[in-house]
PDB file of N, CA and C in Angstrom:
ATOM      1  N   MET A   1      40.202 -36.807  15.646  1.00  0.00           N
ATOM      2  CA  MET A   1      40.791 -37.625  16.686  1.00  0.00           C
ATOM      3  C   MET A   1      41.231 -36.714  17.818  1.00  0.00           C
ATOM      4  N   SER A   2      40.845 -37.010  19.023  1.00  0.00           N
ATOM      5  CA  SER A   2      41.249 -36.194  20.160  1.00  0.00           C
ATOM      6  C   SER A   2      42.124 -37.018  21.086  1.00  0.00           C
ATOM      7  N   ASN A   3      43.033 -36.333  21.747  1.00  0.00           N
ATOM      8  CA  ASN A   3      43.931 -36.995  22.685  1.00  0.00           C
ATOM      9  C   ASN A   3      43.697 -36.437  24.072  1.00  0.00           C
ATOM     10  N   ALA A   4      43.622 -37.297  25.044  1.00  0.00           N
ATOM     11  CA  ALA A   4      43.500 -36.881  26.430  1.00  0.00           C
ATOM     12  C   ALA A   4      44.861 -37.033  27.081  1.00  0.00           C
ATOM     13  N   ILE A   5      45.274 -36.032  27.828  1.00  0.00           N
ATOM     14  CA  ILE A   5      46.578 -36.073  28.468  1.00  0.00           C
ATOM     15  C   ILE A   5      46.389 -36.225  29.968  1.00  0.00           C
ATOM     16  N   SER A   6      47.002 -37.239  30.512  1.00  0.00           N
ATOM     17  CA  SER A   6      46.945 -37.472  31.952  1.00  0.00           C
ATOM     18  C   SER A   6      48.057 -36.691  32.621  1.00  0.00           C
ATOM     19  N   SER A   7      47.767 -36.059  33.747  1.00  0.00           N
ATOM     20  CA  SER A   7      48.785 -35.281  34.444  1.00  0.00           C
ATOM     21  C   SER A   7      49.529 -36.119  35.470  1.00  0.00           C
ATOM     22  N   ALA A   8      49.194 -37.369  35.594  1.00  0.00           N
ATOM     23  CA  ALA A   8      49.853 -38.217  36.582  1.00  0.00           C
ATOM     24  C   ALA A   8      51.242 -38.593  36.097  1.00  0.00           C
ATOM     25  N   LEU A   9      52.233 -38.405  36.953  1.00  0.00           N
ATOM     26  CA  LEU A   9      53.599 -38.785  36.637  1.00  0.00           C
ATOM     27  C   LEU A   9      53.903 -40.089  37.340  1.00  0.00           C
ATOM     28  N   LEU A  10      54.512 -40.990  36.612  1.00  0.00           N
ATOM     29  CA  LEU A  10      54.892 -42.262  37.195  1.00  0.00           C
ATOM     30  C   LEU A  10      56.400 -42.352  37.186  1.00  0.00           C
ATOM     31  N   THR A  11      56.982 -42.838  38.270  1.00  0.00           N
ATOM     32  CA  THR A  11      58.420 -43.011  38.294  1.00  0.00           C
ATOM     33  C   THR A  11      58.757 -44.427  37.881  1.00  0.00           C
ATOM     34  N   GLY A  12      59.941 -44.590  37.387  1.00  0.00           N
ATOM     35  CA  GLY A  12      60.407 -45.915  37.014  1.00  0.00           C
ATOM     36  C   GLY A  12      60.421 -46.839  38.218  1.00  0.00           C
ATOM     37  N   ALA A  13      60.733 -46.294  39.390  1.00  0.00           N
ATOM     38  CA  ALA A  13      60.780 -47.106  40.596  1.00  0.00           C
ATOM     39  C   ALA A  13      59.400 -47.648  40.950  1.00  0.00           C
ATOM     40  N   ALA A  14      58.351 -46.900  40.647  1.00  0.00           N
ATOM     41  CA  ALA A  14      57.003 -47.350  40.956  1.00  0.00           C
ATOM     42  C   ALA A  14      56.549 -48.424  39.981  1.00  0.00           C
ATOM     43  N   ASN A  15      57.115 -48.420  38.769  1.00  0.00           N
ATOM     44  CA  ASN A  15      56.699 -49.383  37.761  1.00  0.00           C
ATOM     45  C   ASN A  15      57.360 -50.741  37.945  1.00  0.00           C
ATOM     46  N   SER A  16      58.621 -50.764  38.373  1.00  0.00           N
ATOM     47  CA  SER A  16      59.312 -52.016  38.586  1.00  0.00           C
ATOM     48  C   SER A  16      60.334 -51.829  39.683  1.00  0.00           C
ATOM     49  N   PRO A  17      60.470 -52.822  40.523  1.00  0.00           N
ATOM     50  CA  PRO A  17      61.426 -52.684  41.620  1.00  0.00           C
ATOM     51  C   PRO A  17      62.853 -52.622  41.088  1.00  0.00           C
ATOM     52  N   ALA A  18      63.672 -51.756  41.688  1.00  0.00           N
ATOM     53  CA  ALA A  18      65.061 -51.618  41.263  1.00  0.00           C
ATOM     54  C   ALA A  18      65.899 -52.706  41.930  1.00  0.00           C
ATOM     55  N   THR A  19      66.778 -53.300  41.164  1.00  0.00           N
ATOM     56  CA  THR A  19      67.710 -54.272  41.701  1.00  0.00           C
ATOM     57  C   THR A  19      69.106 -53.812  41.344  1.00  0.00           C
ATOM     58  N   ALA A  20      70.107 -54.542  41.817  1.00  0.00           N
ATOM     59  CA  ALA A  20      71.482 -54.169  41.522  1.00  0.00           C
ATOM     60  C   ALA A  20      71.731 -54.187  40.015  1.00  0.00           C
ATOM     61  N   ALA A  21      71.050 -55.052  39.283  1.00  0.00           N
ATOM     62  CA  ALA A  21      71.246 -55.155  37.838  1.00  0.00           C
ATOM     63  C   ALA A  21      70.430 -54.125  37.071  1.00  0.00           C
ATOM     64  N   GLN A  22      69.387 -53.560  37.687  1.00  0.00           N
ATOM     65  CA  GLN A  22      68.525 -52.598  37.011  1.00  0.00           C
ATOM     66  C   GLN A  22      68.668 -51.227  37.632  1.00  0.00           C
ATOM     67  N   PRO A  23      69.177 -50.241  36.873  1.00  0.00           N
ATOM     68  CA  PRO A  23      69.213 -48.883  37.429  1.00  0.00           C
ATOM     69  C   PRO A  23      67.801 -48.329  37.532  1.00  0.00           C
ATOM     70  N   VAL A  24      67.601 -47.406  38.453  1.00  0.00           N
ATOM     71  CA  VAL A  24      66.302 -46.774  38.612  1.00  0.00           C
ATOM     72  C   VAL A  24      66.053 -45.901  37.391  1.00  0.00           C
ATOM     73  N   GLN A  25      64.909 -46.058  36.772  1.00  0.00           N
ATOM     74  CA  GLN A  25      64.571 -45.304  35.578  1.00  0.00           C
ATOM     75  C   GLN A  25      64.097 -43.911  35.965  1.00  0.00           C
ATOM     76  N   PRO A  26      64.376 -42.900  35.110  1.00  0.00           N
ATOM     77  CA  PRO A  26      63.897 -41.552  35.398  1.00  0.00           C
ATOM     78  C   PRO A  26      62.384 -41.484  35.272  1.00  0.00           C
ATOM     79  N   PRO A  27      61.767 -40.453  35.852  1.00  0.00           N
ATOM     80  CA  PRO A  27      60.314 -40.334  35.766  1.00  0.00           C
ATOM     81  C   PRO A  27      59.856 -40.207  34.317  1.00  0.00           C
ATOM     82  N   VAL A  28      58.744 -40.813  34.004  1.00  0.00           N
ATOM     83  CA  VAL A  28      58.144 -40.690  32.682  1.00  0.00           C
ATOM     84  C   VAL A  28      56.677 -40.354  32.842  1.00  0.00           C
ATOM     85  N   GLN A  29      56.132 -39.728  31.834  1.00  0.00           N
ATOM     86  CA  GLN A  29      54.712 -39.407  31.858  1.00  0.00           C
ATOM     87  C   GLN A  29      54.028 -40.280  30.826  1.00  0.00           C
ATOM     88  N   ARG A  30      52.981 -40.931  31.221  1.00  0.00           N
ATOM     89  CA  ARG A  30      52.219 -41.757  30.297  1.00  0.00           C
ATOM     90  C   ARG A  30      51.032 -40.944  29.801  1.00  0.00           C
ATOM     91  N   VAL A  31      50.921 -40.842  28.491  1.00  0.00           N
ATOM     92  CA  VAL A  31      49.856 -40.075  27.867  1.00  0.00           C
ATOM     93  C   VAL A  31      49.050 -41.051  27.022  1.00  0.00           C
ATOM     94  N   SER A  32      47.743 -41.063  27.227  1.00  0.00           N
ATOM     95  CA  SER A  32      46.945 -42.004  26.456  1.00  0.00           C
ATOM     96  C   SER A  32      45.670 -41.336  25.955  1.00  0.00           C
ATOM     97  N   SER A  33      45.145 -41.904  24.905  1.00  0.00           N
ATOM     98  CA  SER A  33      43.872 -41.433  24.368  1.00  0.00           C
ATOM     99  C   SER A  33      42.826 -42.506  24.634  1.00  0.00           C
ATOM    100  N   ASN A  34      41.619 -42.224  24.274  1.00  0.00           N
ATOM    101  CA  ASN A  34      40.531 -43.180  24.488  1.00  0.00           C
ATOM    102  C   ASN A  34      40.717 -44.456  23.688  1.00  0.00           C
ATOM    103  N   SER A  35      41.548 -44.412  22.640  1.00  0.00           N
ATOM    104  CA  SER A  35      41.731 -45.595  21.802  1.00  0.00           C
ATOM    105  C   SER A  35      42.678 -46.609  22.420  1.00  0.00           C
ATOM    106  N   GLY A  36      43.274 -46.286  23.562  1.00  0.00           N
ATOM    107  CA  GLY A  36      44.166 -47.222  24.222  1.00  0.00           C
ATOM    108  C   GLY A  36      45.620 -47.031  23.856  1.00  0.00           C
ATOM    109  N   ASP A  37      45.928 -46.076  22.983  1.00  0.00           N
ATOM    110  CA  ASP A  37      47.318 -45.798  22.632  1.00  0.00           C
ATOM    111  C   ASP A  37      48.020 -45.145  23.812  1.00  0.00           C
ATOM    112  N   THR A  38      49.301 -45.464  24.004  1.00  0.00           N
ATOM    113  CA  THR A  38      50.079 -44.890  25.089  1.00  0.00           C
ATOM    114  C   THR A  38      51.387 -44.350  24.545  1.00  0.00           C
ATOM    115  N   VAL A  39      51.752 -43.166  25.002  1.00  0.00           N
ATOM    116  CA  VAL A  39      53.016 -42.543  24.636  1.00  0.00           C
ATOM    117  C   VAL A  39      53.795 -42.317  25.918  1.00  0.00           C
ATOM    118  N   THR A  40      55.052 -42.721  25.928  1.00  0.00           N
ATOM    119  CA  THR A  40      55.906 -42.506  27.088  1.00  0.00           C
ATOM    120  C   THR A  40      56.858 -41.371  26.778  1.00  0.00           C
ATOM    121  N   LEU A  41      56.828 -40.326  27.614  1.00  0.00           N
ATOM    122  CA  LEU A  41      57.700 -39.179  27.434  1.00  0.00           C
ATOM    123  C   LEU A  41      58.920 -39.312  28.330  1.00  0.00           C
ATOM    124  N   THR A  42      60.090 -38.999  27.769  1.00  0.00           N
ATOM    125  CA  THR A  42      61.305 -38.984  28.582  1.00  0.00           C
ATOM    126  C   THR A  42      61.266 -37.759  29.481  1.00  0.00           C
ATOM    127  N   VAL A  43      62.185 -37.702  30.419  1.00  0.00           N
ATOM    128  CA  VAL A  43      62.269 -36.549  31.311  1.00  0.00           C
ATOM    129  C   VAL A  43      62.526 -35.293  30.485  1.00  0.00           C
ATOM    130  N   ALA A  44      63.436 -35.382  29.521  1.00  0.00           N
ATOM    131  CA  ALA A  44      63.741 -34.226  28.676  1.00  0.00           C
ATOM    132  C   ALA A  44      62.497 -33.747  27.940  1.00  0.00           C
ATOM    133  N   GLU A  45      61.711 -34.675  27.404  1.00  0.00           N
ATOM    134  CA  GLU A  45      60.488 -34.305  26.689  1.00  0.00           C
ATOM    135  C   GLU A  45      59.474 -33.660  27.635  1.00  0.00           C
ATOM    136  N   GLN A  46      59.394 -34.169  28.858  1.00  0.00           N
ATOM    137  CA  GLN A  46      58.489 -33.572  29.841  1.00  0.00           C
ATOM    138  C   GLN A  46      58.923 -32.146  30.168  1.00  0.00           C
ATOM    139  N   VAL A  47      60.243 -31.956  30.342  1.00  0.00           N
ATOM    140  CA  VAL A  47      60.772 -30.625  30.635  1.00  0.00           C
ATOM    141  C   VAL A  47      60.420 -29.673  29.503  1.00  0.00           C
ATOM    142  N   TYR A  48      60.692 -30.068  28.259  1.00  0.00           N
ATOM    143  CA  TYR A  48      60.382 -29.217  27.100  1.00  0.00           C
ATOM    144  C   TYR A  48      58.894 -28.895  27.030  1.00  0.00           C
ATOM    145  N   GLN A  49      58.059 -29.905  27.240  1.00  0.00           N
ATOM    146  CA  GLN A  49      56.613 -29.710  27.152  1.00  0.00           C
ATOM    147  C   GLN A  49      56.139 -28.710  28.201  1.00  0.00           C
ATOM    148  N   LEU A  50      56.575 -28.885  29.434  1.00  0.00           N
ATOM    149  CA  LEU A  50      56.156 -27.982  30.501  1.00  0.00           C
ATOM    150  C   LEU A  50      56.677 -26.564  30.266  1.00  0.00           C
ATOM    151  N   TYR A  51      57.924 -26.450  29.819  1.00  0.00           N
ATOM    152  CA  TYR A  51      58.520 -25.135  29.554  1.00  0.00           C
ATOM    153  C   TYR A  51      57.787 -24.436  28.408  1.00  0.00           C
ATOM    154  N   ASN A  52      57.491 -25.189  27.358  1.00  0.00           N
ATOM    155  CA  ASN A  52      56.766 -24.612  26.215  1.00  0.00           C
ATOM    156  C   ASN A  52      55.334 -24.233  26.569  1.00  0.00           C
ATOM    157  N   ASN A  53      54.800 -24.832  27.628  1.00  0.00           N
ATOM    158  CA  ASN A  53      53.460 -24.473  28.103  1.00  0.00           C
ATOM    159  C   ASN A  53      53.502 -23.307  29.083  1.00  0.00           C
ATOM    160  N   GLY A  54      54.689 -22.721  29.287  1.00  0.00           N
ATOM    161  CA  GLY A  54      54.796 -21.517  30.088  1.00  0.00           C
ATOM    162  C   GLY A  54      55.154 -21.699  31.547  1.00  0.00           C
ATOM    163  N   GLN A  55      55.456 -22.918  31.976  1.00  0.00           N
ATOM    164  CA  GLN A  55      55.817 -23.111  33.380  1.00  0.00           C
ATOM    165  C   GLN A  55      57.242 -22.637  33.626  1.00  0.00           C
ATOM    166  N   PRO A  56      57.481 -21.960  34.743  1.00  0.00           N
ATOM    167  CA  PRO A  56      58.844 -21.530  35.059  1.00  0.00           C
ATOM    168  C   PRO A  56      59.725 -22.721  35.430  1.00  0.00           C
ATOM    169  N   VAL A  57      61.026 -22.541  35.259  1.00  0.00           N
ATOM    170  CA  VAL A  57      61.993 -23.605  35.517  1.00  0.00           C
ATOM    171  C   VAL A  57      61.850 -24.149  36.936  1.00  0.00           C
ATOM    172  N   SER A  58      61.684 -23.267  37.914  1.00  0.00           N
ATOM    173  CA  SER A  58      61.580 -23.730  39.306  1.00  0.00           C
ATOM    174  C   SER A  58      60.364 -24.635  39.514  1.00  0.00           C
ATOM    175  N   GLN A  59      59.264 -24.320  38.855  1.00  0.00           N
ATOM    176  CA  GLN A  59      58.057 -25.136  38.990  1.00  0.00           C
ATOM    177  C   GLN A  59      58.235 -26.483  38.285  1.00  0.00           C
ATOM    178  N   ILE A  60      58.909 -26.474  37.136  1.00  0.00           N
ATOM    179  CA  ILE A  60      59.189 -27.723  36.414  1.00  0.00           C
ATOM    180  C   ILE A  60      60.058 -28.622  37.291  1.00  0.00           C
ATOM    181  N   ALA A  61      61.086 -28.041  37.900  1.00  0.00           N
ATOM    182  CA  ALA A  61      61.984 -28.809  38.761  1.00  0.00           C
ATOM    183  C   ALA A  61      61.207 -29.452  39.911  1.00  0.00           C
ATOM    184  N   THR A  62      60.324 -28.688  40.524  1.00  0.00           N
ATOM    185  CA  THR A  62      59.523 -29.215  41.628  1.00  0.00           C
ATOM    186  C   THR A  62      58.581 -30.316  41.143  1.00  0.00           C
ATOM    187  N   SER A  63      57.920 -30.090  40.013  1.00  0.00           N
ATOM    188  CA  SER A  63      56.959 -31.059  39.479  1.00  0.00           C
ATOM    189  C   SER A  63      57.606 -32.400  39.158  1.00  0.00           C
ATOM    190  N   LEU A  64      58.840 -32.345  38.628  1.00  0.00           N
ATOM    191  CA  LEU A  64      59.508 -33.570  38.196  1.00  0.00           C
ATOM    192  C   LEU A  64      60.539 -34.067  39.205  1.00  0.00           C
ATOM    193  N   SER A  65      60.596 -33.433  40.379  1.00  0.00           N
ATOM    194  CA  SER A  65      61.551 -33.805  41.433  1.00  0.00           C
ATOM    195  C   SER A  65      62.985 -33.788  40.914  1.00  0.00           C
ATOM    196  N   LEU A  66      63.330 -32.695  40.229  1.00  0.00           N
ATOM    197  CA  LEU A  66      64.670 -32.518  39.688  1.00  0.00           C
ATOM    198  C   LEU A  66      65.283 -31.257  40.267  1.00  0.00           C
ATOM    199  N   PRO A  67      66.619 -31.198  40.317  1.00  0.00           N
ATOM    200  CA  PRO A  67      67.248 -29.938  40.690  1.00  0.00           C
ATOM    201  C   PRO A  67      67.065 -28.913  39.560  1.00  0.00           C
ATOM    202  N   VAL A  68      66.992 -27.644  39.908  1.00  0.00           N
ATOM    203  CA  VAL A  68      66.823 -26.578  38.915  1.00  0.00           C
ATOM    204  C   VAL A  68      67.958 -26.639  37.888  1.00  0.00           C
ATOM    205  N   SER A  69      69.170 -26.938  38.345  1.00  0.00           N
ATOM    206  CA  SER A  69      70.312 -27.008  37.427  1.00  0.00           C
ATOM    207  C   SER A  69      70.115 -28.072  36.351  1.00  0.00           C
ATOM    208  N   GLU A  70      69.472 -29.190  36.699  1.00  0.00           N
ATOM    209  CA  GLU A  70      69.236 -30.247  35.719  1.00  0.00           C
ATOM    210  C   GLU A  70      68.183 -29.810  34.696  1.00  0.00           C
ATOM    211  N   VAL A  71      67.146 -29.121  35.156  1.00  0.00           N
ATOM    212  CA  VAL A  71      66.137 -28.591  34.233  1.00  0.00           C
ATOM    213  C   VAL A  71      66.802 -27.595  33.284  1.00  0.00           C
ATOM    214  N   ASN A  72      67.649 -26.724  33.828  1.00  0.00           N
ATOM    215  CA  ASN A  72      68.376 -25.773  32.989  1.00  0.00           C
ATOM    216  C   ASN A  72      69.234 -26.491  31.950  1.00  0.00           C
ATOM    217  N   ASN A  73      69.882 -27.588  32.342  1.00  0.00           N
ATOM    218  CA  ASN A  73      70.696 -28.364  31.407  1.00  0.00           C
ATOM    219  C   ASN A  73      69.846 -28.931  30.279  1.00  0.00           C
ATOM    220  N   TYR A  74      68.674 -29.478  30.597  1.00  0.00           N
ATOM    221  CA  TYR A  74      67.788 -30.013  29.565  1.00  0.00           C
ATOM    222  C   TYR A  74      67.378 -28.917  28.584  1.00  0.00           C
ATOM    223  N   LEU A  75      67.180 -27.702  29.089  1.00  0.00           N
ATOM    224  CA  LEU A  75      66.741 -26.596  28.257  1.00  0.00           C
ATOM    225  C   LEU A  75      67.888 -25.832  27.602  1.00  0.00           C
ATOM    226  N   GLY A  76      69.115 -26.188  27.964  1.00  0.00           N
ATOM    227  CA  GLY A  76      70.267 -25.502  27.400  1.00  0.00           C
ATOM    228  C   GLY A  76      70.467 -24.110  27.967  1.00  0.00           C
ATOM    229  N   ILE A  77      69.967 -23.896  29.180  1.00  0.00           N
ATOM    230  CA  ILE A  77      70.098 -22.599  29.834  1.00  0.00           C
ATOM    231  C   ILE A  77      71.357 -22.620  30.683  1.00  0.00           C
ATOM    232  N   THR A  78      72.247 -21.646  30.490  1.00  0.00           N
ATOM    233  CA  THR A  78      73.462 -21.569  31.286  1.00  0.00           C
ATOM    234  C   THR A  78      73.368 -20.400  32.237  1.00  0.00           C
ATOM    235  N   GLN A  79      73.906 -20.598  33.414  1.00  0.00           N
ATOM    236  CA  GLN A  79      73.933 -19.548  34.422  1.00  0.00           C
ATOM    237  C   GLN A  79      75.335 -18.950  34.421  1.00  0.00           C
ATOM    238  N   SER A  80      75.435 -17.661  34.168  1.00  0.00           N
ATOM    239  CA  SER A  80      76.748 -17.023  34.182  1.00  0.00           C
ATOM    240  C   SER A  80      77.105 -16.616  35.603  1.00  0.00           C
ATOM    241  N   GLY A  81      78.313 -16.983  36.007  1.00  0.00           N
ATOM    242  CA  GLY A  81      78.782 -16.643  37.348  1.00  0.00           C
ATOM    243  C   GLY A  81      79.226 -15.184  37.394  1.00  0.00           C
ATOM    244  N   GLY A  82      78.809 -14.473  38.441  1.00  0.00           N
ATOM    245  CA  GLY A  82      79.058 -13.055  38.551  1.00  0.00           C
ATOM    246  C   GLY A  82      80.432 -12.731  38.866  1.00  0.00           C
TER     247      GLY A  82
END
């Protein structure tokens, strides 16, 4: 069984319009195989996946439209103040 991974990122805002009752959902990545199965990754899972694939934190932040500090938080990376 092989899985194909789509690199397209979809935002929650693009999937459904935000209203006062619905908060804007964080970006998710939809991954599907030829069999029609779909897996939705949370932002944290996307961060871990990209980091484990060797992407630097700054590139992950840019790819997912997140601040570097938020990516660091997902990864448990702390910045020590000098």
